[in-house]
Amino acid sequence: MQSRAGDMKDSGRSDEIIALHSAESGMQLGRALLHALHNAGISVLYQDREMKTVWARNMRPPWASDTADSNGNLPLAQAERIGAAKRNVIASGNPEHLELSIPADDGVRWFQIWVDADHDDGGAVQGVVTTMVETTEQKRREQTLKTLLREVSHRSKNLLAIIQSIATQTSRYSDTLGDFLTRFRGRLQSLASSQDLVTSSNWRGAALRELVSGQVGRYGADPSRSLRFQGANPYLNPNAALHIGLAMHELAVNSVSYGALSRADGFVEVTADLTAASAGETALSLTWAEAIGANDNQPSEKRFGSVALERVVPASLNGTATLEITRDRLEYRLIVPRGNFETD
């Protein structure tokens, strides 16, 4: 008997210990879940069938505090949407999901709302659990990505239009297929070089000096020796960078073939001045100048290079251009309106 009594006492103590451990585990789990809710920014609200708040955890603006009304500071229309969803869940027992946009001082805040029924052991709905998660940053990233994709699509179409125009004009001024391929390949590489600068700046554009130096340097000329750049160094927008890059390409190719860069000691001068234009705006005056030697045989007939310099490039920038070739000098001057660049 004593042994059985001792066993019963030991069993009772074990049950108490197990119950104590279970209670402690439950408290630890509760604390852990509260930390998780807080760290994840998740708000949870439990209400009975009469929509009276039983408990609430981690309720932040615009939601209610633990003691405030469950609708918090929500606009009336949004509060009514949530209320209707809760009534539907209580009536049907089926969960519902909402996405809400709520006006805020810094724009709009976005939330994902889940409304779930709490069933008793018999399956009847005895309450409703509402979970609110803010997704504002995710929504802003999605909107930014959509904007960037639209911008990429727009710029890609512009780039394809430029390539199509170059292909058409190059074929018009090429005598043979080999001549066309050589010239067209060089112009595509020029666009690619300018596009690399634009892309590396997150589509902001390109600095003028870097653009000019890159185009001259592509043809074996050492820009530190063969290019003398002076004046302002504005930041060109993407469209201006592509078209001015094309102009610099045509001038560099011509110079390497017929002009100053065809000689070991030859160099070109590029000057960028910010000048007053109409309506008080500032325009960029870009000048390429080089000396032509007695043996330099500049072609006299019109080619795509001169067409691009005098018509295509200035028209694309809403600017003007002049190309003057005399016996001993070549000078190209391009006037670029302010909308194509920034100076800050």
Protein backbone atom coordinates (compact mmCIF):
# COMPACT_ATOMS: atom_id res chain seq x y z
CA MET A 1 0.00 0.00 0.00
CA GLN A 2 2.78 2.36 0.95
CA SER A 3 4.45 1.64 -2.36
CA ARG A 4 1.24 2.33 -4.27
CA ALA A 5 0.66 5.53 -2.30
CA GLY A 6 4.22 6.61 -3.01
CA ASP A 7 3.75 5.85 -6.67
CA MET A 8 0.54 7.92 -6.73
CA LYS A 9 2.32 10.84 -5.05
CA ASP A 10 5.19 10.61 -7.54
CA SER A 11 2.71 10.41 -10.41
CA GLY A 12 0.93 13.51 -9.10
CA ARG A 13 4.17 15.41 -8.86
CA SER A 14 5.06 14.35 -12.42
CA ASP A 15 1.71 15.58 -13.68
CA GLU A 16 2.26 18.89 -11.93
CA ILE A 17 5.74 19.19 -13.40
CA ILE A 18 4.44 18.35 -16.88
CA ALA A 19 1.62 20.87 -16.50
CA LEU A 20 4.09 23.50 -15.27
CA HIS A 21 6.44 22.82 -18.18
CA SER A 22 3.50 23.00 -20.61
CA ALA A 23 2.42 26.33 -19.14
CA GLU A 24 5.97 27.68 -19.35
CA SER A 25 6.27 26.43 -22.93
CA GLY A 26 2.96 28.10 -23.78
CA MET A 27 4.11 31.38 -22.24
CA GLN A 28 7.43 31.19 -24.09
CA LEU A 29 5.62 30.45 -27.35
CA GLY A 30 3.28 33.39 -26.74
CA ARG A 31 6.17 35.75 -26.09
CA ALA A 32 8.00 34.46 -29.16
CA LEU A 33 4.94 34.99 -31.34
CA LEU A 34 4.47 38.52 -30.01
CA HIS A 35 8.11 39.31 -30.87
CA ALA A 36 7.59 37.82 -34.33
CA LEU A 37 4.46 39.92 -34.92
CA HIS A 38 6.24 43.08 -33.80
CA ASN A 39 9.37 42.45 -35.88
CA ALA A 40 7.37 41.56 -38.98
CA GLY A 41 5.00 44.51 -38.59
CA ILE A 42 1.94 42.23 -38.47
CA SER A 43 -1.21 43.33 -36.64
CA VAL A 44 -3.75 40.75 -35.43
CA LEU A 45 -7.29 41.40 -34.17
CA TYR A 46 -9.76 38.85 -32.73
CA GLN A 47 -13.47 39.66 -32.53
CA ASP A 48 -16.53 37.66 -31.54
CA ARG A 49 -19.62 37.14 -33.67
CA GLU A 50 -20.99 40.50 -32.57
CA MET A 51 -17.78 42.17 -33.86
CA LYS A 52 -16.69 43.06 -30.34
CA THR A 53 -12.94 43.09 -29.83
CA VAL A 54 -11.77 40.21 -27.62
CA TRP A 55 -8.05 40.86 -27.99
CA ALA A 56 -5.64 42.68 -30.31
CA ARG A 57 -1.89 42.51 -30.73
CA ASN A 58 0.64 44.87 -32.29
CA MET A 59 -2.01 47.30 -33.51
CA ARG A 60 -0.28 50.26 -35.13
CA PRO A 61 -1.62 53.32 -36.95
CA PRO A 62 -3.80 53.44 -38.94
CA TRP A 63 -5.22 50.49 -37.02
CA ALA A 64 -6.57 50.77 -33.46
CA SER A 65 -4.59 50.35 -30.28
CA ASP A 66 -5.44 47.47 -27.94
CA THR A 67 -8.20 49.54 -26.36
CA ALA A 68 -9.39 51.63 -29.32
CA ASP A 69 -12.11 50.99 -31.84
CA SER A 70 -11.17 48.26 -34.33
CA ASN A 71 -11.52 50.59 -37.30
CA GLY A 72 -8.82 52.93 -35.99
CA ASN A 73 -8.24 55.96 -38.21
CA LEU A 74 -9.34 54.29 -41.43
CA PRO A 75 -11.30 56.25 -44.04
CA LEU A 76 -15.01 55.37 -43.90
CA ALA A 77 -15.02 53.56 -47.25
CA GLN A 78 -12.10 51.32 -46.23
CA ALA A 79 -13.62 50.60 -42.80
CA GLU A 80 -16.86 49.57 -44.49
CA ARG A 81 -15.00 47.20 -46.84
CA ILE A 82 -13.32 45.46 -43.92
CA GLY A 83 -16.57 45.34 -41.94
CA ALA A 84 -18.41 43.76 -44.89
CA ALA A 85 -15.66 41.16 -45.30
CA LYS A 86 -15.87 40.23 -41.61
CA ARG A 87 -19.65 39.84 -41.76
CA ASN A 88 -19.31 37.60 -44.82
CA VAL A 89 -16.76 35.41 -43.02
CA ILE A 90 -18.98 35.11 -39.93
CA ALA A 91 -21.95 34.16 -42.12
CA SER A 92 -20.18 31.70 -44.43
CA GLY A 93 -17.13 30.55 -42.49
CA ASN A 94 -15.01 31.09 -45.61
CA PRO A 95 -11.86 33.29 -45.46
CA GLU A 96 -11.57 36.55 -47.39
CA HIS A 97 -8.61 38.61 -48.58
CA LEU A 98 -8.43 42.36 -49.24
CA GLU A 99 -5.86 44.86 -50.47
CA LEU A 100 -6.29 48.40 -49.16
CA SER A 101 -4.68 51.70 -50.10
CA ILE A 102 -4.87 54.34 -47.37
CA PRO A 103 -3.91 58.02 -47.85
CA ALA A 104 -0.94 59.14 -45.75
CA ASP A 105 1.14 62.30 -45.29
CA ASP A 106 3.92 60.93 -47.53
CA GLY A 107 1.66 59.42 -50.20
CA VAL A 108 -0.28 56.18 -49.98
CA ARG A 109 0.16 53.22 -47.63
CA TRP A 110 -0.76 49.73 -48.83
CA PHE A 111 -1.97 46.80 -46.71
CA GLN A 112 -2.86 43.16 -47.26
CA ILE A 113 -5.79 42.06 -45.07
CA TRP A 114 -6.73 38.44 -44.29
CA VAL A 115 -10.01 37.70 -42.53
CA ASP A 116 -10.41 34.14 -41.18
CA ALA A 117 -13.19 32.43 -39.21
CA ASP A 118 -12.48 30.90 -35.79
CA HIS A 119 -14.44 27.65 -35.56
CA ASP A 120 -15.34 25.85 -32.33
CA ASP A 121 -15.07 22.08 -31.93
CA GLY A 122 -18.46 21.67 -33.54
CA GLY A 123 -17.48 23.73 -36.59
CA ALA A 124 -19.59 26.76 -35.75
CA VAL A 125 -18.06 30.20 -36.25
CA GLN A 126 -17.43 31.75 -32.86
CA GLY A 127 -15.24 34.65 -33.91
CA VAL A 128 -13.19 36.23 -36.65
CA VAL A 129 -9.42 36.77 -36.88
CA THR A 130 -8.17 39.74 -38.93
CA THR A 131 -4.50 39.90 -39.93
CA MET A 132 -3.06 43.13 -41.35
CA VAL A 133 0.35 43.36 -43.06
CA GLU A 134 1.76 46.57 -44.54
CA THR A 135 3.14 46.15 -48.06
CA THR A 136 3.85 49.80 -48.90
CA GLU A 137 7.55 49.33 -49.67
CA GLN A 138 6.87 46.25 -51.77
CA LYS A 139 4.16 48.12 -53.67
CA ARG A 140 6.49 51.07 -54.29
CA ARG A 141 9.20 48.72 -55.58
CA GLU A 142 6.67 47.10 -57.92
CA GLN A 143 5.53 50.50 -59.19
CA THR A 144 9.15 51.62 -59.64
CA LEU A 145 9.92 48.43 -61.57
CA LYS A 146 6.89 48.95 -63.82
CA THR A 147 8.00 52.54 -64.48
CA LEU A 148 11.53 51.39 -65.30
CA LEU A 149 10.24 48.68 -67.64
CA ARG A 150 8.10 51.23 -69.47
CA GLU A 151 11.13 53.53 -69.69
CA VAL A 152 13.33 50.72 -71.01
CA SER A 153 10.67 49.84 -73.58
CA HIS A 154 10.41 53.49 -74.66
CA ARG A 155 14.17 53.92 -74.94
CA SER A 156 14.56 50.60 -76.76
CA LYS A 157 12.05 51.73 -79.38
CA ASN A 158 13.92 55.02 -79.77
CA LEU A 159 17.21 53.17 -80.14
CA LEU A 160 15.73 50.83 -82.75
CA ALA A 161 14.40 53.85 -84.65
CA ILE A 162 17.90 55.40 -84.62
CA ILE A 163 19.43 52.13 -85.85
CA GLN A 164 16.84 51.86 -88.63
CA SER A 165 17.59 55.43 -89.73
CA ILE A 166 21.35 54.77 -89.69
CA ALA A 167 20.90 51.58 -91.72
CA THR A 168 18.78 53.37 -94.32
CA GLN A 169 21.11 56.34 -94.68
CA THR A 170 24.26 54.19 -94.65
CA SER A 171 22.92 52.05 -97.49
CA ARG A 172 22.05 55.19 -99.47
CA TYR A 173 25.65 56.43 -99.34
CA SER A 174 27.42 53.05 -99.70
CA ASP A 175 28.70 51.77 -103.07
CA THR A 176 29.11 48.10 -102.12
CA LEU A 177 27.81 45.65 -99.53
CA GLY A 178 31.25 45.48 -97.92
CA ASP A 179 31.37 49.26 -97.67
CA PHE A 180 27.90 49.28 -96.10
CA LEU A 181 28.78 46.61 -93.54
CA THR A 182 32.00 48.36 -92.52
CA ARG A 183 30.33 51.74 -92.02
CA PHE A 184 27.17 50.35 -90.42
CA ARG A 185 29.18 48.22 -87.97
CA GLY A 186 31.23 51.24 -86.91
CA ARG A 187 28.09 53.31 -86.28
CA LEU A 188 26.47 50.54 -84.27
CA GLN A 189 29.61 50.28 -82.15
CA SER A 190 29.48 54.03 -81.63
CA LEU A 191 25.89 53.75 -80.38
CA ALA A 192 26.84 50.84 -78.14
CA SER A 193 29.69 52.84 -76.61
CA SER A 194 27.40 55.78 -75.86
CA GLN A 195 24.70 53.43 -74.58
CA ASP A 196 27.18 51.86 -72.14
CA LEU A 197 27.75 55.28 -70.58
CA VAL A 198 24.00 55.89 -70.36
CA THR A 199 23.34 52.49 -68.79
CA SER A 200 26.16 52.81 -66.26
CA SER A 201 24.61 56.09 -65.05
CA ASN A 202 21.24 54.39 -64.43
CA TRP A 203 19.84 56.00 -67.58
CA ARG A 204 20.67 59.51 -66.44
CA GLY A 205 22.93 60.15 -69.42
CA ALA A 206 26.64 60.83 -69.91
CA ALA A 207 29.22 63.53 -69.22
CA LEU A 208 30.21 65.30 -72.43
CA ARG A 209 33.98 65.02 -71.97
CA GLU A 210 33.82 61.29 -71.24
CA LEU A 211 31.58 60.78 -74.27
CA VAL A 212 33.89 62.67 -76.64
CA SER A 213 37.03 61.01 -75.28
CA GLY A 214 35.46 57.58 -75.65
CA GLN A 215 34.46 58.14 -79.27
CA VAL A 216 37.87 59.50 -80.29
CA GLY A 217 39.70 56.77 -78.38
CA ARG A 218 37.79 54.03 -80.21
CA TYR A 219 39.84 54.61 -83.35
CA GLY A 220 43.28 53.95 -81.97
CA ALA A 221 43.97 57.57 -81.18
CA ASP A 222 45.25 58.36 -77.71
CA PRO A 223 42.82 61.01 -76.40
CA SER A 224 45.41 62.43 -74.03
CA ARG A 225 47.50 63.37 -77.08
CA SER A 226 45.09 63.59 -79.99
CA LEU A 227 42.16 65.31 -78.23
CA ARG A 228 42.30 68.78 -76.69
CA PHE A 229 39.05 69.31 -74.82
CA GLN A 230 38.31 72.61 -73.16
CA GLY A 231 35.35 74.43 -71.68
CA ALA A 232 32.25 73.18 -69.88
CA ASN A 233 31.48 69.54 -69.18
CA PRO A 234 27.67 69.32 -68.97
CA TYR A 235 25.78 66.11 -68.34
CA LEU A 236 23.86 65.06 -71.45
CA ASN A 237 20.52 63.32 -71.24
CA PRO A 238 20.30 59.86 -72.90
CA ASN A 239 18.96 61.06 -76.25
CA ALA A 240 21.58 63.80 -76.50
CA ALA A 241 24.34 61.38 -75.48
CA LEU A 242 23.45 58.95 -78.29
CA HIS A 243 23.20 61.60 -81.01
CA ILE A 244 26.20 63.69 -79.96
CA GLY A 245 28.14 60.44 -79.64
CA LEU A 246 27.16 59.65 -83.23
CA ALA A 247 28.34 63.10 -84.36
CA MET A 248 31.69 62.62 -82.60
CA HIS A 249 31.99 59.19 -84.23
CA GLU A 250 31.49 60.62 -87.73
CA LEU A 251 33.99 63.40 -87.10
CA ALA A 252 36.55 60.99 -85.63
CA VAL A 253 36.19 58.51 -88.53
CA ASN A 254 36.56 61.33 -91.04
CA SER A 255 39.60 62.68 -89.20
CA VAL A 256 41.29 59.28 -89.01
CA SER A 257 40.61 58.71 -92.72
CA TYR A 258 41.28 62.16 -94.15
CA GLY A 259 42.11 64.70 -91.47
CA ALA A 260 44.32 65.54 -88.52
CA LEU A 261 44.11 62.12 -86.83
CA SER A 262 45.51 60.47 -89.96
CA ARG A 263 48.86 62.04 -89.07
CA ALA A 264 51.08 60.93 -86.19
CA ASP A 265 51.28 64.43 -84.74
CA GLY A 266 47.69 65.43 -85.52
CA PHE A 267 45.10 66.44 -82.95
CA VAL A 268 41.58 67.82 -82.79
CA GLU A 269 40.17 70.54 -80.56
CA VAL A 270 36.74 70.22 -78.96
CA THR A 271 35.37 73.28 -77.19
CA ALA A 272 32.17 73.36 -75.14
CA ASP A 273 30.77 76.76 -74.21
CA LEU A 274 27.57 77.59 -72.34
CA THR A 275 26.06 80.60 -74.09
CA ALA A 276 22.91 82.67 -73.67
CA ALA A 277 20.14 81.65 -76.04
CA SER A 278 16.61 82.86 -76.74
CA ALA A 279 14.16 83.35 -73.85
CA GLY A 280 17.08 83.75 -71.47
CA GLU A 281 17.96 80.03 -71.51
CA THR A 282 21.47 78.64 -71.69
CA ALA A 283 22.53 76.62 -74.73
CA LEU A 284 25.56 74.42 -75.29
CA SER A 285 27.81 75.46 -78.15
CA LEU A 286 29.96 72.46 -79.10
CA THR A 287 32.78 72.97 -81.62
CA TRP A 288 35.06 70.38 -83.23
CA ALA A 289 38.02 71.93 -85.07
CA GLU A 290 41.07 70.44 -86.75
CA ALA A 291 43.80 71.59 -89.11
CA ILE A 292 43.87 69.96 -92.54
CA GLY A 293 47.24 69.42 -94.11
CA ALA A 294 48.15 69.88 -97.74
CA ASN A 295 48.06 66.13 -98.34
CA ASP A 296 44.71 65.58 -96.64
CA ASN A 297 42.15 64.75 -99.30
CA GLN A 298 38.75 65.61 -97.88
CA PRO A 299 35.97 64.12 -100.04
CA SER A 300 33.89 66.79 -101.69
CA GLU A 301 30.71 64.76 -102.30
CA LYS A 302 27.96 64.47 -99.70
CA ARG A 303 28.18 61.35 -97.57
CA PHE A 304 26.10 60.05 -94.66
CA GLY A 305 28.63 61.51 -92.24
CA SER A 306 27.94 65.06 -93.33
CA VAL A 307 24.20 64.39 -93.56
CA ALA A 308 24.21 63.10 -89.97
CA LEU A 309 26.26 66.08 -88.77
CA GLU A 310 24.24 68.77 -90.53
CA ARG A 311 20.72 67.32 -90.43
CA VAL A 312 20.14 64.16 -88.37
CA VAL A 313 21.92 65.13 -85.14
CA PRO A 314 20.72 68.76 -84.82
CA ALA A 315 17.13 67.78 -85.76
CA SER A 316 17.13 65.09 -83.04
CA LEU A 317 18.19 67.70 -80.46
CA ASN A 318 16.04 70.59 -81.75
CA GLY A 319 19.29 72.43 -82.34
CA THR A 320 21.31 73.75 -85.26
CA ALA A 321 24.64 72.82 -86.81
CA THR A 322 27.16 74.02 -89.37
CA LEU A 323 29.98 72.09 -91.06
CA GLU A 324 32.68 74.16 -92.77
CA ILE A 325 35.58 72.64 -94.67
CA THR A 326 38.20 75.00 -96.10
CA ARG A 327 41.57 74.36 -97.64
CA ASP A 328 43.34 74.09 -94.28
CA ARG A 329 40.63 73.67 -91.66
CA LEU A 330 37.53 71.64 -90.76
CA GLU A 331 35.14 73.07 -88.22
CA TYR A 332 31.86 71.64 -86.99
CA ARG A 333 29.65 73.63 -84.63
CA LEU A 334 26.58 72.23 -82.92
CA ILE A 335 24.15 74.32 -80.84
CA VAL A 336 22.33 72.19 -78.26
CA PRO A 337 19.29 73.67 -76.45
CA ARG A 338 19.13 73.49 -72.65
CA GLY A 339 16.57 70.68 -72.50
CA ASN A 340 19.24 68.21 -73.64
CA PHE A 341 21.68 68.65 -70.75
CA GLU A 342 22.19 69.74 -67.15
CA THR A 343 25.08 71.61 -65.61
CA ASP A 344 24.66 70.77 -61.90
